[in-house]
Amino acid sequence: MASTHELFDQVRQVLRVRHYSYETEKTYIHWIKRFIAFHQVRPPKEMGVAEVEAFLTHLAVEQKVAPSTQNQALSALIFLYPEAYQQDTD
């Protein structure tokens, strides 16, 4: 299993190959880190739809983030699974 450092390197590499902006890179890494921390440092590869939904619900209900912020977090996680891990969240 890859370490979180390796995971972030892989995410950065895919983002750069796809010509995402540096700001997007920083933002996606931020949300992926928060997702991992929310689930007590479980590797994202061990999580799926239920964990993504729990995190997004937490952001909306507990953290009271704006819908655009929640969408930003969702975009980062949607990117993480099929792009960095080459797997779907289903």
PDB file of N, CA and C in Angstrom:
ATOM      1  N   MET A   1       0.842  -1.184   0.000  1.00  0.00           N
ATOM      2  CA  MET A   1       0.000   0.000   0.000  1.00  0.00           C
ATOM      3  C   MET A   1       0.885   1.245   0.000  1.00  0.00           C
ATOM      4  N   ALA A   2       0.521   2.191  -0.805  1.00  0.00           N
ATOM      5  CA  ALA A   2       1.305   3.421  -0.922  1.00  0.00           C
ATOM      6  C   ALA A   2       1.096   4.299   0.307  1.00  0.00           C
ATOM      7  N   SER A   3       2.149   4.996   0.706  1.00  0.00           N
ATOM      8  CA  SER A   3       2.035   5.940   1.808  1.00  0.00           C
ATOM      9  C   SER A   3       1.262   7.169   1.332  1.00  0.00           C
ATOM     10  N   THR A   4       0.829   7.988   2.303  1.00  0.00           N
ATOM     11  CA  THR A   4       0.111   9.202   1.915  1.00  0.00           C
ATOM     12  C   THR A   4       1.024  10.124   1.116  1.00  0.00           C
ATOM     13  N   HIS A   5       2.319  10.128   1.453  1.00  0.00           N
ATOM     14  CA  HIS A   5       3.270  10.954   0.693  1.00  0.00           C
ATOM     15  C   HIS A   5       3.296  10.508  -0.772  1.00  0.00           C
ATOM     16  N   GLU A   6       3.344   9.212  -0.988  1.00  0.00           N
ATOM     17  CA  GLU A   6       3.341   8.687  -2.361  1.00  0.00           C
ATOM     18  C   GLU A   6       2.027   9.000  -3.054  1.00  0.00           C
ATOM     19  N   LEU A   7       0.922   8.911  -2.294  1.00  0.00           N
ATOM     20  CA  LEU A   7      -0.389   9.230  -2.858  1.00  0.00           C
ATOM     21  C   LEU A   7      -0.420  10.676  -3.334  1.00  0.00           C
ATOM     22  N   PHE A   8       0.045  11.606  -2.490  1.00  0.00           N
ATOM     23  CA  PHE A   8       0.035  13.016  -2.866  1.00  0.00           C
ATOM     24  C   PHE A   8       0.951  13.279  -4.052  1.00  0.00           C
ATOM     25  N   ASP A   9       2.083  12.610  -4.110  1.00  0.00           N
ATOM     26  CA  ASP A   9       2.964  12.738  -5.281  1.00  0.00           C
ATOM     27  C   ASP A   9       2.260  12.264  -6.542  1.00  0.00           C
ATOM     28  N   GLN A  10       1.534  11.160  -6.430  1.00  0.00           N
ATOM     29  CA  GLN A  10       0.814  10.620  -7.585  1.00  0.00           C
ATOM     30  C   GLN A  10      -0.294  11.575  -8.024  1.00  0.00           C
ATOM     31  N   VAL A  11      -1.037  12.122  -7.069  1.00  0.00           N
ATOM     32  CA  VAL A  11      -2.096  13.080  -7.385  1.00  0.00           C
ATOM     33  C   VAL A  11      -1.498  14.301  -8.081  1.00  0.00           C
ATOM     34  N   ARG A  12      -0.408  14.827  -7.523  1.00  0.00           N
ATOM     35  CA  ARG A  12       0.246  15.992  -8.130  1.00  0.00           C
ATOM     36  C   ARG A  12       0.690  15.693  -9.568  1.00  0.00           C
ATOM     37  N   GLN A  13       1.261  14.523  -9.763  1.00  0.00           N
ATOM     38  CA  GLN A  13       1.742  14.154 -11.091  1.00  0.00           C
ATOM     39  C   GLN A  13       0.590  14.115 -12.101  1.00  0.00           C
ATOM     40  N   VAL A  14      -0.511  13.502 -11.735  1.00  0.00           N
ATOM     41  CA  VAL A  14      -1.659  13.423 -12.648  1.00  0.00           C
ATOM     42  C   VAL A  14      -2.224  14.814 -12.920  1.00  0.00           C
ATOM     43  N   LEU A  15      -2.328  15.633 -11.884  1.00  0.00           N
ATOM     44  CA  LEU A  15      -2.826  17.001 -12.070  1.00  0.00           C
ATOM     45  C   LEU A  15      -1.937  17.777 -13.037  1.00  0.00           C
ATOM     46  N   ARG A  16      -0.640  17.621 -12.895  1.00  0.00           N
ATOM     47  CA  ARG A  16       0.299  18.364 -13.745  1.00  0.00           C
ATOM     48  C   ARG A  16       0.263  17.858 -15.183  1.00  0.00           C
ATOM     49  N   VAL A  17       0.156  16.559 -15.363  1.00  0.00           N
ATOM     50  CA  VAL A  17       0.061  15.996 -16.715  1.00  0.00           C
ATOM     51  C   VAL A  17      -1.200  16.513 -17.405  1.00  0.00           C
ATOM     52  N   ARG A  18      -2.254  16.694 -16.637  1.00  0.00           N
ATOM     53  CA  ARG A  18      -3.522  17.180 -17.194  1.00  0.00           C
ATOM     54  C   ARG A  18      -3.604  18.709 -17.221  1.00  0.00           C
ATOM     55  N   HIS A  19      -2.518  19.368 -16.855  1.00  0.00           N
ATOM     56  CA  HIS A  19      -2.393  20.831 -16.923  1.00  0.00           C
ATOM     57  C   HIS A  19      -3.376  21.577 -16.021  1.00  0.00           C
ATOM     58  N   TYR A  20      -3.637  21.018 -14.838  1.00  0.00           N
ATOM     59  CA  TYR A  20      -4.431  21.739 -13.853  1.00  0.00           C
ATOM     60  C   TYR A  20      -3.565  22.854 -13.280  1.00  0.00           C
ATOM     61  N   SER A  21      -4.195  23.912 -12.798  1.00  0.00           N
ATOM     62  CA  SER A  21      -3.430  25.022 -12.222  1.00  0.00           C
ATOM     63  C   SER A  21      -2.820  24.615 -10.887  1.00  0.00           C
ATOM     64  N   TYR A  22      -1.791  25.367 -10.498  1.00  0.00           N
ATOM     65  CA  TYR A  22      -1.148  25.120  -9.210  1.00  0.00           C
ATOM     66  C   TYR A  22      -2.134  25.339  -8.065  1.00  0.00           C
ATOM     67  N   GLU A  23      -3.005  26.325  -8.192  1.00  0.00           N
ATOM     68  CA  GLU A  23      -4.011  26.582  -7.152  1.00  0.00           C
ATOM     69  C   GLU A  23      -4.962  25.404  -7.010  1.00  0.00           C
ATOM     70  N   THR A  24      -5.353  24.813  -8.119  1.00  0.00           N
ATOM     71  CA  THR A  24      -6.214  23.635  -8.072  1.00  0.00           C
ATOM     72  C   THR A  24      -5.477  22.483  -7.404  1.00  0.00           C
ATOM     73  N   GLU A  25      -4.211  22.325  -7.732  1.00  0.00           N
ATOM     74  CA  GLU A  25      -3.391  21.277  -7.117  1.00  0.00           C
ATOM     75  C   GLU A  25      -3.376  21.434  -5.597  1.00  0.00           C
ATOM     76  N   LYS A  26      -3.102  22.643  -5.127  1.00  0.00           N
ATOM     77  CA  LYS A  26      -3.068  22.888  -3.682  1.00  0.00           C
ATOM     78  C   LYS A  26      -4.427  22.613  -3.043  1.00  0.00           C
ATOM     79  N   THR A  27      -5.481  23.042  -3.705  1.00  0.00           N
ATOM     80  CA  THR A  27      -6.827  22.869  -3.176  1.00  0.00           C
ATOM     81  C   THR A  27      -7.211  21.394  -3.108  1.00  0.00           C
ATOM     82  N   TYR A  28      -6.938  20.643  -4.151  1.00  0.00           N
ATOM     83  CA  TYR A  28      -7.274  19.216  -4.162  1.00  0.00           C
ATOM     84  C   TYR A  28      -6.497  18.469  -3.086  1.00  0.00           C
ATOM     85  N   ILE A  29      -5.218  18.768  -2.946  1.00  0.00           N
ATOM     86  CA  ILE A  29      -4.413  18.120  -1.908  1.00  0.00           C
ATOM     87  C   ILE A  29      -4.981  18.450  -0.526  1.00  0.00           C
ATOM     88  N   HIS A  30      -5.366  19.705  -0.330  1.00  0.00           N
ATOM     89  CA  HIS A  30      -5.968  20.127   0.939  1.00  0.00           C
ATOM     90  C   HIS A  30      -7.203  19.288   1.255  1.00  0.00           C
ATOM     91  N   TRP A  31      -8.118  19.138   0.301  1.00  0.00           N
ATOM     92  CA  TRP A  31      -9.356  18.401   0.547  1.00  0.00           C
ATOM     93  C   TRP A  31      -9.106  16.913   0.722  1.00  0.00           C
ATOM     94  N   ILE A  32      -8.153  16.372   0.013  1.00  0.00           N
ATOM     95  CA  ILE A  32      -7.825  14.953   0.186  1.00  0.00           C
ATOM     96  C   ILE A  32      -7.248  14.727   1.580  1.00  0.00           C
ATOM     97  N   LYS A  33      -6.397  15.640   2.046  1.00  0.00           N
ATOM     98  CA  LYS A  33      -5.847  15.537   3.408  1.00  0.00           C
ATOM     99  C   LYS A  33      -6.961  15.606   4.444  1.00  0.00           C
ATOM    100  N   ARG A  34      -7.902  16.514   4.259  1.00  0.00           N
ATOM    101  CA  ARG A  34      -9.017  16.639   5.209  1.00  0.00           C
ATOM    102  C   ARG A  34      -9.893  15.400   5.201  1.00  0.00           C
ATOM    103  N   PHE A  35     -10.101  14.819   4.021  1.00  0.00           N
ATOM    104  CA  PHE A  35     -10.881  13.589   3.896  1.00  0.00           C
ATOM    105  C   PHE A  35     -10.205  12.453   4.666  1.00  0.00           C
ATOM    106  N   ILE A  36      -8.898  12.313   4.489  1.00  0.00           N
ATOM    107  CA  ILE A  36      -8.139  11.270   5.186  1.00  0.00           C
ATOM    108  C   ILE A  36      -8.183  11.503   6.698  1.00  0.00           C
ATOM    109  N   ALA A  37      -7.983  12.722   7.133  1.00  0.00           N
ATOM    110  CA  ALA A  37      -8.009  13.049   8.567  1.00  0.00           C
ATOM    111  C   ALA A  37      -9.393  12.797   9.165  1.00  0.00           C
ATOM    112  N   PHE A  38     -10.442  13.132   8.430  1.00  0.00           N
ATOM    113  CA  PHE A  38     -11.808  12.927   8.914  1.00  0.00           C
ATOM    114  C   PHE A  38     -12.058  11.455   9.216  1.00  0.00           C
ATOM    115  N   HIS A  39     -11.476  10.593   8.426  1.00  0.00           N
ATOM    116  CA  HIS A  39     -11.664   9.146   8.600  1.00  0.00           C
ATOM    117  C   HIS A  39     -10.502   8.509   9.365  1.00  0.00           C
ATOM    118  N   GLN A  40      -9.944   9.242  10.317  1.00  0.00           N
ATOM    119  CA  GLN A  40      -8.895   8.749  11.213  1.00  0.00           C
ATOM    120  C   GLN A  40      -7.719   8.128  10.456  1.00  0.00           C
ATOM    121  N   VAL A  41      -7.284   8.812   9.416  1.00  0.00           N
ATOM    122  CA  VAL A  41      -6.087   8.479   8.647  1.00  0.00           C
ATOM    123  C   VAL A  41      -6.200   7.115   7.956  1.00  0.00           C
ATOM    124  N   ARG A  42      -7.424   6.730   7.615  1.00  0.00           N
ATOM    125  CA  ARG A  42      -7.593   5.524   6.800  1.00  0.00           C
ATOM    126  C   ARG A  42      -7.148   5.838   5.386  1.00  0.00           C
ATOM    127  N   PRO A  43      -6.486   4.914   4.737  1.00  0.00           N
ATOM    128  CA  PRO A  43      -6.097   5.150   3.344  1.00  0.00           C
ATOM    129  C   PRO A  43      -7.338   5.272   2.454  1.00  0.00           C
ATOM    130  N   PRO A  44      -7.382   6.246   1.578  1.00  0.00           N
ATOM    131  CA  PRO A  44      -8.540   6.409   0.705  1.00  0.00           C
ATOM    132  C   PRO A  44      -8.864   5.157  -0.106  1.00  0.00           C
ATOM    133  N   LYS A  45      -7.865   4.361  -0.411  1.00  0.00           N
ATOM    134  CA  LYS A  45      -8.084   3.150  -1.198  1.00  0.00           C
ATOM    135  C   LYS A  45      -8.985   2.166  -0.463  1.00  0.00           C
ATOM    136  N   GLU A  46      -9.048   2.271   0.864  1.00  0.00           N
ATOM    137  CA  GLU A  46      -9.902   1.403   1.673  1.00  0.00           C
ATOM    138  C   GLU A  46     -11.311   1.976   1.850  1.00  0.00           C
ATOM    139  N   MET A  47     -11.553   3.132   1.285  1.00  0.00           N
ATOM    140  CA  MET A  47     -12.846   3.795   1.450  1.00  0.00           C
ATOM    141  C   MET A  47     -13.560   3.899   0.114  1.00  0.00           C
ATOM    142  N   GLY A  48     -14.843   4.210   0.198  1.00  0.00           N
ATOM    143  CA  GLY A  48     -15.641   4.325  -1.017  1.00  0.00           C
ATOM    144  C   GLY A  48     -16.739   5.354  -0.878  1.00  0.00           C
ATOM    145  N   VAL A  49     -17.846   5.084  -1.523  1.00  0.00           N
ATOM    146  CA  VAL A  49     -18.964   6.028  -1.593  1.00  0.00           C
ATOM    147  C   VAL A  49     -19.467   6.418  -0.211  1.00  0.00           C
ATOM    148  N   ALA A  50     -19.631   5.458   0.681  1.00  0.00           N
ATOM    149  CA  ALA A  50     -20.175   5.757   2.015  1.00  0.00           C
ATOM    150  C   ALA A  50     -19.297   6.762   2.756  1.00  0.00           C
ATOM    151  N   GLU A  51     -17.991   6.596   2.668  1.00  0.00           N
ATOM    152  CA  GLU A  51     -17.072   7.504   3.358  1.00  0.00           C
ATOM    153  C   GLU A  51     -17.053   8.885   2.717  1.00  0.00           C
ATOM    154  N   VAL A  52     -17.151   8.930   1.394  1.00  0.00           N
ATOM    155  CA  VAL A  52     -17.218  10.222   0.699  1.00  0.00           C
ATOM    156  C   VAL A  52     -18.492  10.950   1.114  1.00  0.00           C
ATOM    157  N   GLU A  53     -19.616  10.243   1.125  1.00  0.00           N
ATOM    158  CA  GLU A  53     -20.883  10.858   1.529  1.00  0.00           C
ATOM    159  C   GLU A  53     -20.840  11.341   2.970  1.00  0.00           C
ATOM    160  N   ALA A  54     -20.239  10.549   3.865  1.00  0.00           N
ATOM    161  CA  ALA A  54     -20.138  10.951   5.275  1.00  0.00           C
ATOM    162  C   ALA A  54     -19.317  12.232   5.411  1.00  0.00           C
ATOM    163  N   PHE A  55     -18.220  12.308   4.673  1.00  0.00           N
ATOM    164  CA  PHE A  55     -17.372  13.499   4.726  1.00  0.00           C
ATOM    165  C   PHE A  55     -18.106  14.720   4.197  1.00  0.00           C
ATOM    166  N   LEU A  56     -18.757  14.585   3.062  1.00  0.00           N
ATOM    167  CA  LEU A  56     -19.476  15.717   2.473  1.00  0.00           C
ATOM    168  C   LEU A  56     -20.641  16.151   3.359  1.00  0.00           C
ATOM    169  N   THR A  57     -21.310  15.202   3.980  1.00  0.00           N
ATOM    170  CA  THR A  57     -22.401  15.521   4.910  1.00  0.00           C
ATOM    171  C   THR A  57     -21.849  16.269   6.116  1.00  0.00           C
ATOM    172  N   HIS A  58     -20.711  15.816   6.618  1.00  0.00           N
ATOM    173  CA  HIS A  58     -20.062  16.503   7.742  1.00  0.00           C
ATOM    174  C   HIS A  58     -19.742  17.957   7.379  1.00  0.00           C
ATOM    175  N   LEU A  59     -19.212  18.153   6.186  1.00  0.00           N
ATOM    176  CA  LEU A  59     -18.888  19.519   5.761  1.00  0.00           C
ATOM    177  C   LEU A  59     -20.136  20.397   5.741  1.00  0.00           C
ATOM    178  N   ALA A  60     -21.224  19.858   5.206  1.00  0.00           N
ATOM    179  CA  ALA A  60     -22.450  20.646   5.072  1.00  0.00           C
ATOM    180  C   ALA A  60     -23.149  20.862   6.408  1.00  0.00           C
ATOM    181  N   VAL A  61     -23.283  19.814   7.210  1.00  0.00           N
ATOM    182  CA  VAL A  61     -24.084  19.880   8.431  1.00  0.00           C
ATOM    183  C   VAL A  61     -23.280  20.404   9.623  1.00  0.00           C
ATOM    184  N   GLU A  62     -22.115  19.834   9.850  1.00  0.00           N
ATOM    185  CA  GLU A  62     -21.326  20.202  11.026  1.00  0.00           C
ATOM    186  C   GLU A  62     -20.482  21.456  10.786  1.00  0.00           C
ATOM    187  N   GLN A  63     -19.820  21.504   9.648  1.00  0.00           N
ATOM    188  CA  GLN A  63     -18.937  22.628   9.350  1.00  0.00           C
ATOM    189  C   GLN A  63     -19.683  23.802   8.709  1.00  0.00           C
ATOM    190  N   LYS A  64     -20.885  23.535   8.211  1.00  0.00           N
ATOM    191  CA  LYS A  64     -21.735  24.557   7.584  1.00  0.00           C
ATOM    192  C   LYS A  64     -21.010  25.310   6.458  1.00  0.00           C
ATOM    193  N   VAL A  65     -20.297  24.532   5.629  1.00  0.00           N
ATOM    194  CA  VAL A  65     -19.596  25.161   4.510  1.00  0.00           C
ATOM    195  C   VAL A  65     -20.594  25.542   3.430  1.00  0.00           C
ATOM    196  N   ALA A  66     -20.210  26.476   2.612  1.00  0.00           N
ATOM    197  CA  ALA A  66     -21.035  26.897   1.484  1.00  0.00           C
ATOM    198  C   ALA A  66     -21.131  25.751   0.471  1.00  0.00           C
ATOM    199  N   PRO A  67     -22.217  25.702  -0.287  1.00  0.00           N
ATOM    200  CA  PRO A  67     -22.338  24.656  -1.311  1.00  0.00           C
ATOM    201  C   PRO A  67     -21.157  24.632  -2.280  1.00  0.00           C
ATOM    202  N   SER A  68     -20.622  25.786  -2.621  1.00  0.00           N
ATOM    203  CA  SER A  68     -19.476  25.820  -3.541  1.00  0.00           C
ATOM    204  C   SER A  68     -18.239  25.177  -2.909  1.00  0.00           C
ATOM    205  N   THR A  69     -18.091  25.333  -1.597  1.00  0.00           N
ATOM    206  CA  THR A  69     -16.968  24.710  -0.894  1.00  0.00           C
ATOM    207  C   THR A  69     -17.148  23.201  -0.866  1.00  0.00           C
ATOM    208  N   GLN A  70     -18.362  22.755  -0.606  1.00  0.00           N
ATOM    209  CA  GLN A  70     -18.657  21.325  -0.606  1.00  0.00           C
ATOM    210  C   GLN A  70     -18.404  20.745  -2.006  1.00  0.00           C
ATOM    211  N   ASN A  71     -18.778  21.469  -3.030  1.00  0.00           N
ATOM    212  CA  ASN A  71     -18.542  21.014  -4.402  1.00  0.00           C
ATOM    213  C   ASN A  71     -17.051  20.940  -4.715  1.00  0.00           C
ATOM    214  N   GLN A  72     -16.290  21.847  -4.168  1.00  0.00           N
ATOM    215  CA  GLN A  72     -14.840  21.826  -4.361  1.00  0.00           C
ATOM    216  C   GLN A  72     -14.243  20.560  -3.734  1.00  0.00           C
ATOM    217  N   ALA A  73     -14.682  20.230  -2.535  1.00  0.00           N
ATOM    218  CA  ALA A  73     -14.222  19.003  -1.870  1.00  0.00           C
ATOM    219  C   ALA A  73     -14.635  17.778  -2.678  1.00  0.00           C
ATOM    220  N   LEU A  74     -15.869  17.774  -3.159  1.00  0.00           N
ATOM    221  CA  LEU A  74     -16.343  16.663  -3.986  1.00  0.00           C
ATOM    222  C   LEU A  74     -15.501  16.522  -5.249  1.00  0.00           C
ATOM    223  N   SER A  75     -15.190  17.619  -5.890  1.00  0.00           N
ATOM    224  CA  SER A  75     -14.366  17.576  -7.106  1.00  0.00           C
ATOM    225  C   SER A  75     -13.002  16.957  -6.831  1.00  0.00           C
ATOM    226  N   ALA A  76     -12.416  17.294  -5.696  1.00  0.00           N
ATOM    227  CA  ALA A  76     -11.118  16.723  -5.338  1.00  0.00           C
ATOM    228  C   ALA A  76     -11.221  15.216  -5.148  1.00  0.00           C
ATOM    229  N   LEU A  77     -12.296  14.770  -4.504  1.00  0.00           N
ATOM    230  CA  LEU A  77     -12.460  13.330  -4.263  1.00  0.00           C
ATOM    231  C   LEU A  77     -12.845  12.587  -5.537  1.00  0.00           C
ATOM    232  N   ILE A  78     -13.639  13.227  -6.384  1.00  0.00           N
ATOM    233  CA  ILE A  78     -13.958  12.620  -7.674  1.00  0.00           C
ATOM    234  C   ILE A  78     -12.687  12.463  -8.490  1.00  0.00           C
ATOM    235  N   PHE A  79     -11.808  13.431  -8.399  1.00  0.00           N
ATOM    236  CA  PHE A  79     -10.521  13.341  -9.095  1.00  0.00           C
ATOM    237  C   PHE A  79      -9.668  12.221  -8.505  1.00  0.00           C
ATOM    238  N   LEU A  80      -9.640  12.140  -7.181  1.00  0.00           N
ATOM    239  CA  LEU A  80      -8.762  11.184  -6.496  1.00  0.00           C
ATOM    240  C   LEU A  80      -9.002   9.748  -6.952  1.00  0.00           C
ATOM    241  N   TYR A  81     -10.232   9.320  -6.942  1.00  0.00           N
ATOM    242  CA  TYR A  81     -10.481   7.900  -7.179  1.00  0.00           C
ATOM    243  C   TYR A  81     -10.228   7.451  -8.616  1.00  0.00           C
ATOM    244  N   PRO A  82     -10.903   7.998  -9.596  1.00  0.00           N
ATOM    245  CA  PRO A  82     -10.650   7.457 -10.946  1.00  0.00           C
ATOM    246  C   PRO A  82      -9.319   7.911 -11.545  1.00  0.00           C
ATOM    247  N   GLU A  83      -8.833   9.080 -11.166  1.00  0.00           N
ATOM    248  CA  GLU A  83      -7.608   9.596 -11.784  1.00  0.00           C
ATOM    249  C   GLU A  83      -6.340   9.091 -11.087  1.00  0.00           C
ATOM    250  N   ALA A  84      -6.268   9.266  -9.795  1.00  0.00           N
ATOM    251  CA  ALA A  84      -5.052   8.890  -9.083  1.00  0.00           C
ATOM    252  C   ALA A  84      -5.021   7.391  -8.777  1.00  0.00           C
ATOM    253  N   TYR A  85      -6.183   6.829  -8.456  1.00  0.00           N
ATOM    254  CA  TYR A  85      -6.223   5.413  -8.111  1.00  0.00           C
ATOM    255  C   TYR A  85      -6.700   4.542  -9.265  1.00  0.00           C
ATOM    256  N   GLN A  86      -7.150   5.159 -10.346  1.00  0.00           N
ATOM    257  CA  GLN A  86      -7.707   4.436 -11.478  1.00  0.00           C
ATOM    258  C   GLN A  86      -8.803   3.467 -11.032  1.00  0.00           C
ATOM    259  N   GLN A  87      -9.711   3.962 -10.167  1.00  0.00           N
ATOM    260  CA  GLN A  87     -10.855   3.158  -9.746  1.00  0.00           C
ATOM    261  C   GLN A  87     -12.052   4.063  -9.547  1.00  0.00           C
ATOM    262  N   ASP A  88     -13.243   3.480  -9.645  1.00  0.00           N
ATOM    263  CA  ASP A  88     -14.471   4.203  -9.403  1.00  0.00           C
ATOM    264  C   ASP A  88     -14.803   4.122  -7.925  1.00  0.00           C
ATOM    265  N   THR A  89     -15.664   5.053  -7.454  1.00  0.00           N
ATOM    266  CA  THR A  89     -16.079   5.028  -6.065  1.00  0.00           C
ATOM    267  C   THR A  89     -17.304   4.146  -5.875  1.00  0.00           C
ATOM    268  N   ASP A  90     -17.827   3.531  -6.923  1.00  0.00           N
ATOM    269  CA  ASP A  90     -18.997   2.639  -6.800  1.00  0.00           C
ATOM    270  C   ASP A  90     -18.561   1.264  -6.356  1.00  0.00           C
TER     271      ASP A  90
END
